[in-house]
Amino acid sequence: MYLRGIFVASIVGFIAQAALAQTELQRSEQLYQHTAYRESLALIHETSSQSAAASNLAGRDWFMLGEYKKAADAFEKALSLEPRNSAYAHWVGRAYGRRAETSSFFTAPGYASRARQHFELAVQLDPGNGEAMNDLFDYYLEAPGFLGGGMDKAEALARRIAERDPVEGHFAAAQLADRRKQFDTAEDQLRRAMKMAPRDVGRVLDVAKYLVKRGRIPESDAAFDDAERLAPHDPRVAIERARAYIHEKRNLDQARTLLFRYLRSDLTPDDPPRSEAEQLLKQAEGS
């Protein structure tokens, strides 16, 4: 009876510890969603959790802090614990993609190849992982053939994207058309995406940014106005309009006002990081 009591107490204690770790992980996730990445990491460290979910969250924190090697290590640990998890494979690919972008000429190709392999794995594990599919499309579109990229692969994947998500399919078609210098077709595809998702301010911003790229300033201003009317408090509208002004070297006082507004906003990990807005501010002050 005594041993049985010890056993039951041990089980109860284990369950209580597991529940506490899960609660702390939820708090860490909330901190992450509010861009408090260091605080999220500290809480994960305090709980000493070795779970795949904790490793993945730590990896996302490191990624957002620009520590891509630490991020890759954490994501690979998460994937080793759950090798069939498409989201974890996707994050490994993202980390190696950033390592490729920020490393030397000699090491970048290896990191790029590992990014592609993990994007492909993520799509293989879950064909419904749209974000992984989009990143793989970008890779195929941008990477040279000797690193596994190529227009033929991008075109094939764009068709799959369109089957799964017609709006995103139009966006992919626009990127392909732009690469071929078919600028009218690219704009038309972006406008089709916007028409299919009229309440998605991101699609309006896609059109506005493309018009900036084409040097059609009055039309881009009108598109930014549309975006602001649709989502007046969305911080993406502020930073993208400021970016356009700085690129065009005009309305720099307004650009600075927009960037200060952005820095005061309640951002999420899906928004451009504050460091990007701070860099834009420096550019505005130097213009």
C-alpha atoms as a PDB file:
ATOM      1  CA  MET A   1       0.000   0.000   0.000  1.00  0.00           C
ATOM      2  CA  TYR A   2       2.869   2.356   0.829  1.00  0.00           C
ATOM      3  CA  LEU A   3       4.599   1.709  -2.512  1.00  0.00           C
ATOM      4  CA  ARG A   4       1.321   2.168  -4.321  1.00  0.00           C
ATOM      5  CA  GLY A   5       0.910   5.541  -2.633  1.00  0.00           C
ATOM      6  CA  ILE A   6       4.389   6.591  -3.718  1.00  0.00           C
ATOM      7  CA  PHE A   7       3.637   5.497  -7.270  1.00  0.00           C
ATOM      8  CA  VAL A   8       0.373   7.446  -7.383  1.00  0.00           C
ATOM      9  CA  ALA A   9       2.051  10.541  -5.917  1.00  0.00           C
ATOM     10  CA  SER A  10       4.799  10.298  -8.517  1.00  0.00           C
ATOM     11  CA  ILE A  11       2.275  10.088 -11.345  1.00  0.00           C
ATOM     12  CA  VAL A  12       0.338  13.057  -9.966  1.00  0.00           C
ATOM     13  CA  GLY A  13       3.554  15.046  -9.636  1.00  0.00           C
ATOM     14  CA  PHE A  14       4.567  14.204 -13.196  1.00  0.00           C
ATOM     15  CA  ILE A  15       1.182  15.282 -14.535  1.00  0.00           C
ATOM     16  CA  ALA A  16       1.356  18.525 -12.557  1.00  0.00           C
ATOM     17  CA  GLN A  17       4.843  19.256 -13.903  1.00  0.00           C
ATOM     18  CA  ALA A  18       3.746  18.552 -17.461  1.00  0.00           C
ATOM     19  CA  ALA A  19       0.719  20.826 -17.062  1.00  0.00           C
ATOM     20  CA  LEU A  20       2.918  23.606 -15.660  1.00  0.00           C
ATOM     21  CA  ALA A  21       5.382  23.260 -18.555  1.00  0.00           C
ATOM     22  CA  GLN A  22       2.511  23.448 -21.043  1.00  0.00           C
ATOM     23  CA  THR A  23       1.149  26.586 -19.361  1.00  0.00           C
ATOM     24  CA  GLU A  24       4.587  28.217 -19.416  1.00  0.00           C
ATOM     25  CA  LEU A  25       4.981  27.286 -23.083  1.00  0.00           C
ATOM     26  CA  GLN A  26       1.654  28.963 -23.834  1.00  0.00           C
ATOM     27  CA  ARG A  27       2.889  32.093 -22.050  1.00  0.00           C
ATOM     28  CA  SER A  28       6.101  31.946 -24.080  1.00  0.00           C
ATOM     29  CA  GLU A  29       4.060  31.702 -27.272  1.00  0.00           C
ATOM     30  CA  GLN A  30       2.052  34.755 -26.235  1.00  0.00           C
ATOM     31  CA  LEU A  31       5.279  36.691 -25.664  1.00  0.00           C
ATOM     32  CA  TYR A  32       6.487  35.607 -29.097  1.00  0.00           C
ATOM     33  CA  GLN A  33       3.257  36.776 -30.722  1.00  0.00           C
ATOM     34  CA  HIS A  34       3.848  40.210 -29.150  1.00  0.00           C
ATOM     35  CA  THR A  35       7.450  40.250 -30.488  1.00  0.00           C
ATOM     36  CA  ALA A  36       8.928  39.902 -26.985  1.00  0.00           C
ATOM     37  CA  TYR A  37      11.412  37.359 -28.280  1.00  0.00           C
ATOM     38  CA  ARG A  38      14.050  37.561 -25.543  1.00  0.00           C
ATOM     39  CA  GLU A  39      11.431  37.316 -22.830  1.00  0.00           C
ATOM     40  CA  SER A  40       9.946  34.288 -24.583  1.00  0.00           C
ATOM     41  CA  LEU A  41      13.373  32.642 -24.735  1.00  0.00           C
ATOM     42  CA  ALA A  42      14.003  33.339 -21.062  1.00  0.00           C
ATOM     43  CA  LEU A  43      10.742  31.683 -20.074  1.00  0.00           C
ATOM     44  CA  ILE A  44      11.489  28.636 -22.214  1.00  0.00           C
ATOM     45  CA  HIS A  45      14.904  28.389 -20.555  1.00  0.00           C
ATOM     46  CA  GLU A  46      13.330  28.621 -17.097  1.00  0.00           C
ATOM     47  CA  THR A  47      11.004  25.699 -17.802  1.00  0.00           C
ATOM     48  CA  SER A  48      13.904  23.588 -19.167  1.00  0.00           C
ATOM     49  CA  SER A  49      11.436  21.976 -21.555  1.00  0.00           C
ATOM     50  CA  GLN A  50      12.994  19.558 -24.058  1.00  0.00           C
ATOM     51  CA  SER A  51       9.851  19.091 -26.148  1.00  0.00           C
ATOM     52  CA  ALA A  52       9.695  19.562 -29.894  1.00  0.00           C
ATOM     53  CA  ALA A  53       7.227  22.443 -29.441  1.00  0.00           C
ATOM     54  CA  ALA A  54       9.585  24.249 -27.035  1.00  0.00           C
ATOM     55  CA  SER A  55      12.548  23.800 -29.380  1.00  0.00           C
ATOM     56  CA  ASN A  56      10.516  25.104 -32.303  1.00  0.00           C
ATOM     57  CA  LEU A  57       9.386  28.145 -30.344  1.00  0.00           C
ATOM     58  CA  ALA A  58      12.962  28.857 -29.233  1.00  0.00           C
ATOM     59  CA  GLY A  59      14.011  28.567 -32.859  1.00  0.00           C
ATOM     60  CA  ARG A  60      11.402  31.108 -33.905  1.00  0.00           C
ATOM     61  CA  ASP A  61      12.593  33.471 -31.189  1.00  0.00           C
ATOM     62  CA  TRP A  62      16.216  33.148 -32.334  1.00  0.00           C
ATOM     63  CA  PHE A  63      15.142  33.558 -35.960  1.00  0.00           C
ATOM     64  CA  MET A  64      13.327  36.808 -35.223  1.00  0.00           C
ATOM     65  CA  LEU A  65      16.386  38.047 -33.341  1.00  0.00           C
ATOM     66  CA  GLY A  66      18.568  37.372 -36.379  1.00  0.00           C
ATOM     67  CA  GLU A  67      20.483  34.522 -34.718  1.00  0.00           C
ATOM     68  CA  TYR A  68      20.079  32.131 -37.625  1.00  0.00           C
ATOM     69  CA  LYS A  69      22.590  29.472 -36.558  1.00  0.00           C
ATOM     70  CA  LYS A  70      20.957  29.124 -33.145  1.00  0.00           C
ATOM     71  CA  ALA A  71      17.584  29.104 -34.862  1.00  0.00           C
ATOM     72  CA  ALA A  72      18.626  26.329 -37.255  1.00  0.00           C
ATOM     73  CA  ASP A  73      19.974  24.239 -34.372  1.00  0.00           C
ATOM     74  CA  ALA A  74      16.728  24.599 -32.424  1.00  0.00           C
ATOM     75  CA  PHE A  75      14.548  23.820 -35.448  1.00  0.00           C
ATOM     76  CA  GLU A  76      16.608  20.763 -36.316  1.00  0.00           C
ATOM     77  CA  LYS A  77      16.186  19.513 -32.739  1.00  0.00           C
ATOM     78  CA  ALA A  78      12.417  19.965 -33.028  1.00  0.00           C
ATOM     79  CA  LEU A  79      12.370  18.127 -36.359  1.00  0.00           C
ATOM     80  CA  SER A  80      14.478  15.273 -34.980  1.00  0.00           C
ATOM     81  CA  LEU A  81      11.874  14.801 -32.254  1.00  0.00           C
ATOM     82  CA  GLU A  82       8.958  14.979 -34.702  1.00  0.00           C
ATOM     83  CA  PRO A  83      10.364  14.099 -38.143  1.00  0.00           C
ATOM     84  CA  ARG A  84       6.917  14.088 -39.808  1.00  0.00           C
ATOM     85  CA  ASN A  85       6.108  17.670 -38.784  1.00  0.00           C
ATOM     86  CA  SER A  86       5.881  19.811 -41.921  1.00  0.00           C
ATOM     87  CA  ALA A  87       5.959  23.116 -40.027  1.00  0.00           C
ATOM     88  CA  TYR A  88       9.236  22.212 -38.321  1.00  0.00           C
ATOM     89  CA  ALA A  89      10.827  21.191 -41.630  1.00  0.00           C
ATOM     90  CA  HIS A  90       9.685  24.504 -43.116  1.00  0.00           C
ATOM     91  CA  TRP A  91      11.299  26.506 -40.318  1.00  0.00           C
ATOM     92  CA  VAL A  92      14.565  24.600 -40.754  1.00  0.00           C
ATOM     93  CA  GLY A  93      14.468  25.653 -44.402  1.00  0.00           C
ATOM     94  CA  ARG A  94      13.814  29.278 -43.505  1.00  0.00           C
ATOM     95  CA  ALA A  95      16.731  29.339 -41.078  1.00  0.00           C
ATOM     96  CA  TYR A  96      19.130  27.899 -43.649  1.00  0.00           C
ATOM     97  CA  GLY A  97      17.785  30.309 -46.232  1.00  0.00           C
ATOM     98  CA  ARG A  98      18.719  33.232 -44.006  1.00  0.00           C
ATOM     99  CA  ARG A  99      22.091  31.672 -43.274  1.00  0.00           C
ATOM    100  CA  ALA A 100      22.680  31.515 -47.023  1.00  0.00           C
ATOM    101  CA  GLU A 101      21.741  35.186 -47.394  1.00  0.00           C
ATOM    102  CA  THR A 102      24.077  36.294 -44.604  1.00  0.00           C
ATOM    103  CA  SER A 103      27.073  33.986 -45.091  1.00  0.00           C
ATOM    104  CA  SER A 104      30.172  34.010 -47.269  1.00  0.00           C
ATOM    105  CA  PHE A 105      30.414  33.109 -50.951  1.00  0.00           C
ATOM    106  CA  PHE A 106      31.924  29.766 -49.984  1.00  0.00           C
ATOM    107  CA  THR A 107      29.316  28.614 -47.461  1.00  0.00           C
ATOM    108  CA  ALA A 108      26.162  30.150 -48.961  1.00  0.00           C
ATOM    109  CA  PRO A 109      25.554  27.442 -51.612  1.00  0.00           C
ATOM    110  CA  GLY A 110      25.533  24.676 -49.029  1.00  0.00           C
ATOM    111  CA  TYR A 111      23.093  26.528 -46.810  1.00  0.00           C
ATOM    112  CA  ALA A 112      20.896  27.349 -49.822  1.00  0.00           C
ATOM    113  CA  SER A 113      20.726  23.696 -50.826  1.00  0.00           C
ATOM    114  CA  ARG A 114      19.748  22.698 -47.301  1.00  0.00           C
ATOM    115  CA  ALA A 115      17.030  25.348 -47.360  1.00  0.00           C
ATOM    116  CA  ARG A 116      15.615  23.933 -50.594  1.00  0.00           C
ATOM    117  CA  GLN A 117      15.750  20.367 -49.300  1.00  0.00           C
ATOM    118  CA  HIS A 118      13.776  21.281 -46.205  1.00  0.00           C
ATOM    119  CA  PHE A 119      11.221  23.360 -48.132  1.00  0.00           C
ATOM    120  CA  GLU A 120      10.691  20.368 -50.401  1.00  0.00           C
ATOM    121  CA  LEU A 121      10.420  18.081 -47.371  1.00  0.00           C
ATOM    122  CA  ALA A 122       7.842  20.381 -45.752  1.00  0.00           C
ATOM    123  CA  VAL A 123       5.681  20.322 -48.899  1.00  0.00           C
ATOM    124  CA  GLN A 124       6.099  16.560 -49.214  1.00  0.00           C
ATOM    125  CA  LEU A 125       5.044  16.017 -45.602  1.00  0.00           C
ATOM    126  CA  ASP A 126       2.029  18.313 -45.964  1.00  0.00           C
ATOM    127  CA  PRO A 127       0.945  19.417 -49.472  1.00  0.00           C
ATOM    128  CA  GLY A 128      -1.475  21.776 -47.741  1.00  0.00           C
ATOM    129  CA  ASN A 129       1.328  23.797 -46.111  1.00  0.00           C
ATOM    130  CA  GLY A 130       0.825  26.924 -48.167  1.00  0.00           C
ATOM    131  CA  GLU A 131       3.603  28.940 -46.551  1.00  0.00           C
ATOM    132  CA  ALA A 132       6.156  26.219 -47.292  1.00  0.00           C
ATOM    133  CA  MET A 133       4.905  25.993 -50.853  1.00  0.00           C
ATOM    134  CA  ASN A 134       5.254  29.760 -51.288  1.00  0.00           C
ATOM    135  CA  ASP A 135       8.811  29.750 -49.922  1.00  0.00           C
ATOM    136  CA  LEU A 136       9.731  26.853 -52.186  1.00  0.00           C
ATOM    137  CA  PHE A 137       8.283  28.760 -55.144  1.00  0.00           C
ATOM    138  CA  ASP A 138      10.400  31.800 -54.251  1.00  0.00           C
ATOM    139  CA  TYR A 139      13.457  29.568 -54.041  1.00  0.00           C
ATOM    140  CA  TYR A 140      12.846  27.985 -57.439  1.00  0.00           C
ATOM    141  CA  LEU A 141      12.261  31.428 -58.925  1.00  0.00           C
ATOM    142  CA  GLU A 142      15.384  33.056 -57.481  1.00  0.00           C
ATOM    143  CA  ALA A 143      18.002  30.289 -57.235  1.00  0.00           C
ATOM    144  CA  PRO A 144      20.192  29.275 -60.184  1.00  0.00           C
ATOM    145  CA  GLY A 145      19.891  25.840 -61.695  1.00  0.00           C
ATOM    146  CA  PHE A 146      23.039  24.459 -60.052  1.00  0.00           C
ATOM    147  CA  LEU A 147      21.384  25.103 -56.665  1.00  0.00           C
ATOM    148  CA  GLY A 148      18.146  23.418 -57.662  1.00  0.00           C
ATOM    149  CA  GLY A 149      16.235  26.463 -58.862  1.00  0.00           C
ATOM    150  CA  GLY A 150      14.735  27.160 -62.265  1.00  0.00           C
ATOM    151  CA  MET A 151      11.760  28.703 -64.030  1.00  0.00           C
ATOM    152  CA  ASP A 152      10.398  25.311 -65.070  1.00  0.00           C
ATOM    153  CA  LYS A 153      10.195  24.203 -61.442  1.00  0.00           C
ATOM    154  CA  ALA A 154       8.674  27.546 -60.425  1.00  0.00           C
ATOM    155  CA  GLU A 155       6.021  27.291 -63.149  1.00  0.00           C
ATOM    156  CA  ALA A 156       5.056  23.766 -62.125  1.00  0.00           C
ATOM    157  CA  LEU A 157       4.779  24.767 -58.488  1.00  0.00           C
ATOM    158  CA  ALA A 158       2.793  27.902 -59.385  1.00  0.00           C
ATOM    159  CA  ARG A 159       0.153  25.654 -60.947  1.00  0.00           C
ATOM    160  CA  ARG A 160      -0.069  23.646 -57.733  1.00  0.00           C
ATOM    161  CA  ILE A 161      -0.337  26.836 -55.707  1.00  0.00           C
ATOM    162  CA  ALA A 162      -3.191  28.064 -57.931  1.00  0.00           C
ATOM    163  CA  GLU A 163      -5.068  24.772 -57.472  1.00  0.00           C
ATOM    164  CA  ARG A 164      -4.814  25.060 -53.713  1.00  0.00           C
ATOM    165  CA  ASP A 165      -5.278  28.847 -53.365  1.00  0.00           C
ATOM    166  CA  PRO A 166      -6.406  30.792 -56.469  1.00  0.00           C
ATOM    167  CA  VAL A 167      -5.564  34.163 -54.918  1.00  0.00           C
ATOM    168  CA  GLU A 168      -2.010  33.114 -54.110  1.00  0.00           C
ATOM    169  CA  GLY A 169      -1.870  31.531 -57.554  1.00  0.00           C
ATOM    170  CA  HIS A 170      -2.403  34.932 -59.158  1.00  0.00           C
ATOM    171  CA  PHE A 171       0.391  36.351 -57.013  1.00  0.00           C
ATOM    172  CA  ALA A 172       2.744  33.579 -58.132  1.00  0.00           C
ATOM    173  CA  ALA A 173       1.725  34.167 -61.759  1.00  0.00           C
ATOM    174  CA  ALA A 174       2.542  37.867 -61.305  1.00  0.00           C
ATOM    175  CA  GLN A 175       6.037  37.033 -60.103  1.00  0.00           C
ATOM    176  CA  LEU A 176       6.613  34.753 -63.086  1.00  0.00           C
ATOM    177  CA  ALA A 177       5.359  37.416 -65.490  1.00  0.00           C
ATOM    178  CA  ASP A 178       7.530  40.087 -63.907  1.00  0.00           C
ATOM    179  CA  ARG A 179      10.584  37.853 -64.240  1.00  0.00           C
ATOM    180  CA  ARG A 180       9.801  37.549 -67.967  1.00  0.00           C
ATOM    181  CA  LYS A 181       9.438  41.352 -68.166  1.00  0.00           C
ATOM    182  CA  GLN A 182       5.746  40.948 -68.975  1.00  0.00           C
ATOM    183  CA  PHE A 183       4.897  43.893 -66.781  1.00  0.00           C
ATOM    184  CA  ASP A 184       1.290  44.448 -67.881  1.00  0.00           C
ATOM    185  CA  THR A 185       0.527  40.774 -67.261  1.00  0.00           C
ATOM    186  CA  ALA A 186       2.164  40.943 -63.837  1.00  0.00           C
ATOM    187  CA  GLU A 187       0.066  43.936 -62.841  1.00  0.00           C
ATOM    188  CA  ASP A 188      -3.075  42.283 -64.157  1.00  0.00           C
ATOM    189  CA  GLN A 189      -2.407  39.178 -62.062  1.00  0.00           C
ATOM    190  CA  LEU A 190      -1.901  41.279 -58.932  1.00  0.00           C
ATOM    191  CA  ARG A 191      -5.152  43.123 -59.589  1.00  0.00           C
ATOM    192  CA  ARG A 192      -6.964  39.824 -60.066  1.00  0.00           C
ATOM    193  CA  ALA A 193      -5.680  38.651 -56.690  1.00  0.00           C
ATOM    194  CA  MET A 194      -6.870  41.922 -55.132  1.00  0.00           C
ATOM    195  CA  LYS A 195     -10.301  41.577 -56.725  1.00  0.00           C
ATOM    196  CA  MET A 196     -10.671  38.018 -55.425  1.00  0.00           C
ATOM    197  CA  ALA A 197      -9.749  39.086 -51.865  1.00  0.00           C
ATOM    198  CA  PRO A 198     -11.232  42.601 -51.563  1.00  0.00           C
ATOM    199  CA  ARG A 199     -10.881  42.747 -47.770  1.00  0.00           C
ATOM    200  CA  ASP A 200      -7.228  41.665 -47.715  1.00  0.00           C
ATOM    201  CA  VAL A 201      -5.142  44.813 -47.375  1.00  0.00           C
ATOM    202  CA  GLY A 202      -2.012  42.859 -48.234  1.00  0.00           C
ATOM    203  CA  ARG A 203      -3.295  42.387 -51.782  1.00  0.00           C
ATOM    204  CA  VAL A 204      -3.879  46.129 -52.149  1.00  0.00           C
ATOM    205  CA  LEU A 205      -0.342  46.746 -50.912  1.00  0.00           C
ATOM    206  CA  ASP A 206       0.997  44.257 -53.470  1.00  0.00           C
ATOM    207  CA  VAL A 207      -0.504  46.422 -56.230  1.00  0.00           C
ATOM    208  CA  ALA A 208       0.708  49.671 -54.641  1.00  0.00           C
ATOM    209  CA  LYS A 209       4.276  48.366 -54.308  1.00  0.00           C
ATOM    210  CA  TYR A 210       4.311  47.081 -57.871  1.00  0.00           C
ATOM    211  CA  LEU A 211       3.190  50.475 -59.165  1.00  0.00           C
ATOM    212  CA  VAL A 212       6.056  52.052 -57.219  1.00  0.00           C
ATOM    213  CA  LYS A 213       8.436  49.604 -58.859  1.00  0.00           C
ATOM    214  CA  ARG A 214       7.101  50.604 -62.274  1.00  0.00           C
ATOM    215  CA  GLY A 215       7.515  54.309 -61.456  1.00  0.00           C
ATOM    216  CA  ARG A 216       3.795  55.074 -61.643  1.00  0.00           C
ATOM    217  CA  ILE A 217       3.723  57.346 -58.635  1.00  0.00           C
ATOM    218  CA  PRO A 218       0.213  58.920 -58.765  1.00  0.00           C
ATOM    219  CA  GLU A 219      -1.359  55.491 -59.226  1.00  0.00           C
ATOM    220  CA  SER A 220       0.692  54.042 -56.372  1.00  0.00           C
ATOM    221  CA  ASP A 221      -0.407  56.909 -54.115  1.00  0.00           C
ATOM    222  CA  ALA A 222      -4.036  56.128 -54.969  1.00  0.00           C
ATOM    223  CA  ALA A 223      -3.494  52.457 -54.150  1.00  0.00           C
ATOM    224  CA  PHE A 224      -1.891  53.332 -50.810  1.00  0.00           C
ATOM    225  CA  ASP A 225      -4.907  55.573 -50.099  1.00  0.00           C
ATOM    226  CA  ASP A 226      -7.178  52.596 -50.807  1.00  0.00           C
ATOM    227  CA  ALA A 227      -5.134  50.455 -48.410  1.00  0.00           C
ATOM    228  CA  GLU A 228      -5.369  53.067 -45.669  1.00  0.00           C
ATOM    229  CA  ARG A 229      -9.127  53.361 -46.061  1.00  0.00           C
ATOM    230  CA  LEU A 230      -9.463  49.573 -45.933  1.00  0.00           C
ATOM    231  CA  ALA A 231      -7.219  49.067 -42.896  1.00  0.00           C
ATOM    232  CA  PRO A 232      -6.339  52.422 -41.283  1.00  0.00           C
ATOM    233  CA  HIS A 233      -4.685  50.821 -38.262  1.00  0.00           C
ATOM    234  CA  ASP A 234      -2.720  48.089 -40.041  1.00  0.00           C
ATOM    235  CA  PRO A 235       0.973  48.825 -39.421  1.00  0.00           C
ATOM    236  CA  ARG A 236       1.942  47.308 -42.791  1.00  0.00           C
ATOM    237  CA  VAL A 237       0.275  50.212 -44.581  1.00  0.00           C
ATOM    238  CA  ALA A 238       2.444  52.697 -42.681  1.00  0.00           C
ATOM    239  CA  ILE A 239       5.789  50.984 -43.258  1.00  0.00           C
ATOM    240  CA  GLU A 240       5.165  50.161 -46.925  1.00  0.00           C
ATOM    241  CA  ARG A 241       4.076  53.699 -47.739  1.00  0.00           C
ATOM    242  CA  ALA A 242       7.098  55.075 -45.883  1.00  0.00           C
ATOM    243  CA  ARG A 243       9.339  52.674 -47.782  1.00  0.00           C
ATOM    244  CA  ALA A 244       7.887  53.924 -51.069  1.00  0.00           C
ATOM    245  CA  TYR A 245       8.449  57.573 -50.136  1.00  0.00           C
ATOM    246  CA  ILE A 246      12.055  56.906 -49.150  1.00  0.00           C
ATOM    247  CA  HIS A 247      12.676  54.944 -52.345  1.00  0.00           C
ATOM    248  CA  GLU A 248      11.336  57.886 -54.356  1.00  0.00           C
ATOM    249  CA  LYS A 249      13.101  60.470 -52.149  1.00  0.00           C
ATOM    250  CA  ARG A 250       9.931  62.476 -51.570  1.00  0.00           C
ATOM    251  CA  ASN A 251       7.571  63.249 -48.679  1.00  0.00           C
ATOM    252  CA  LEU A 252      10.364  62.353 -46.274  1.00  0.00           C
ATOM    253  CA  ASP A 253       8.782  64.151 -43.305  1.00  0.00           C
ATOM    254  CA  GLN A 254       5.630  62.118 -43.829  1.00  0.00           C
ATOM    255  CA  ALA A 255       7.733  58.974 -44.198  1.00  0.00           C
ATOM    256  CA  ARG A 256       9.328  59.625 -40.811  1.00  0.00           C
ATOM    257  CA  THR A 257       5.897  60.194 -39.242  1.00  0.00           C
ATOM    258  CA  LEU A 258       4.672  56.903 -40.674  1.00  0.00           C
ATOM    259  CA  LEU A 259       7.725  55.054 -39.376  1.00  0.00           C
ATOM    260  CA  PHE A 260       7.351  56.487 -35.875  1.00  0.00           C
ATOM    261  CA  ARG A 261       3.718  55.368 -35.958  1.00  0.00           C
ATOM    262  CA  TYR A 262       4.868  51.921 -37.026  1.00  0.00           C
ATOM    263  CA  LEU A 263       7.380  51.685 -34.189  1.00  0.00           C
ATOM    264  CA  ARG A 264       4.631  52.518 -31.683  1.00  0.00           C
ATOM    265  CA  SER A 265       2.303  49.847 -33.100  1.00  0.00           C
ATOM    266  CA  ASP A 266       1.509  46.532 -31.475  1.00  0.00           C
ATOM    267  CA  LEU A 267       3.390  44.368 -33.982  1.00  0.00           C
ATOM    268  CA  THR A 268       3.275  40.629 -34.573  1.00  0.00           C
ATOM    269  CA  PRO A 269       5.927  38.275 -35.988  1.00  0.00           C
ATOM    270  CA  ASP A 270       4.177  38.562 -39.380  1.00  0.00           C
ATOM    271  CA  ASP A 271       4.999  42.278 -39.567  1.00  0.00           C
ATOM    272  CA  PRO A 272       8.386  43.608 -40.692  1.00  0.00           C
ATOM    273  CA  PRO A 273      10.671  43.838 -37.636  1.00  0.00           C
ATOM    274  CA  ARG A 274      11.180  47.119 -35.830  1.00  0.00           C
ATOM    275  CA  SER A 275      14.848  47.020 -36.857  1.00  0.00           C
ATOM    276  CA  GLU A 276      13.724  47.376 -40.465  1.00  0.00           C
ATOM    277  CA  ALA A 277      11.710  50.493 -39.647  1.00  0.00           C
ATOM    278  CA  GLU A 278      14.679  51.905 -37.736  1.00  0.00           C
ATOM    279  CA  GLN A 279      16.911  51.328 -40.753  1.00  0.00           C
ATOM    280  CA  LEU A 280      14.395  53.095 -42.983  1.00  0.00           C
ATOM    281  CA  LEU A 281      14.393  56.019 -40.552  1.00  0.00           C
ATOM    282  CA  LYS A 282      18.159  56.330 -40.950  1.00  0.00           C
ATOM    283  CA  GLN A 283      17.755  56.344 -44.708  1.00  0.00           C
ATOM    284  CA  ALA A 284      15.088  59.057 -44.483  1.00  0.00           C
ATOM    285  CA  GLU A 285      17.294  61.207 -42.301  1.00  0.00           C
ATOM    286  CA  GLY A 286      20.221  60.733 -44.670  1.00  0.00           C
ATOM    287  CA  SER A 287      18.269  61.693 -47.793  1.00  0.00           C
END
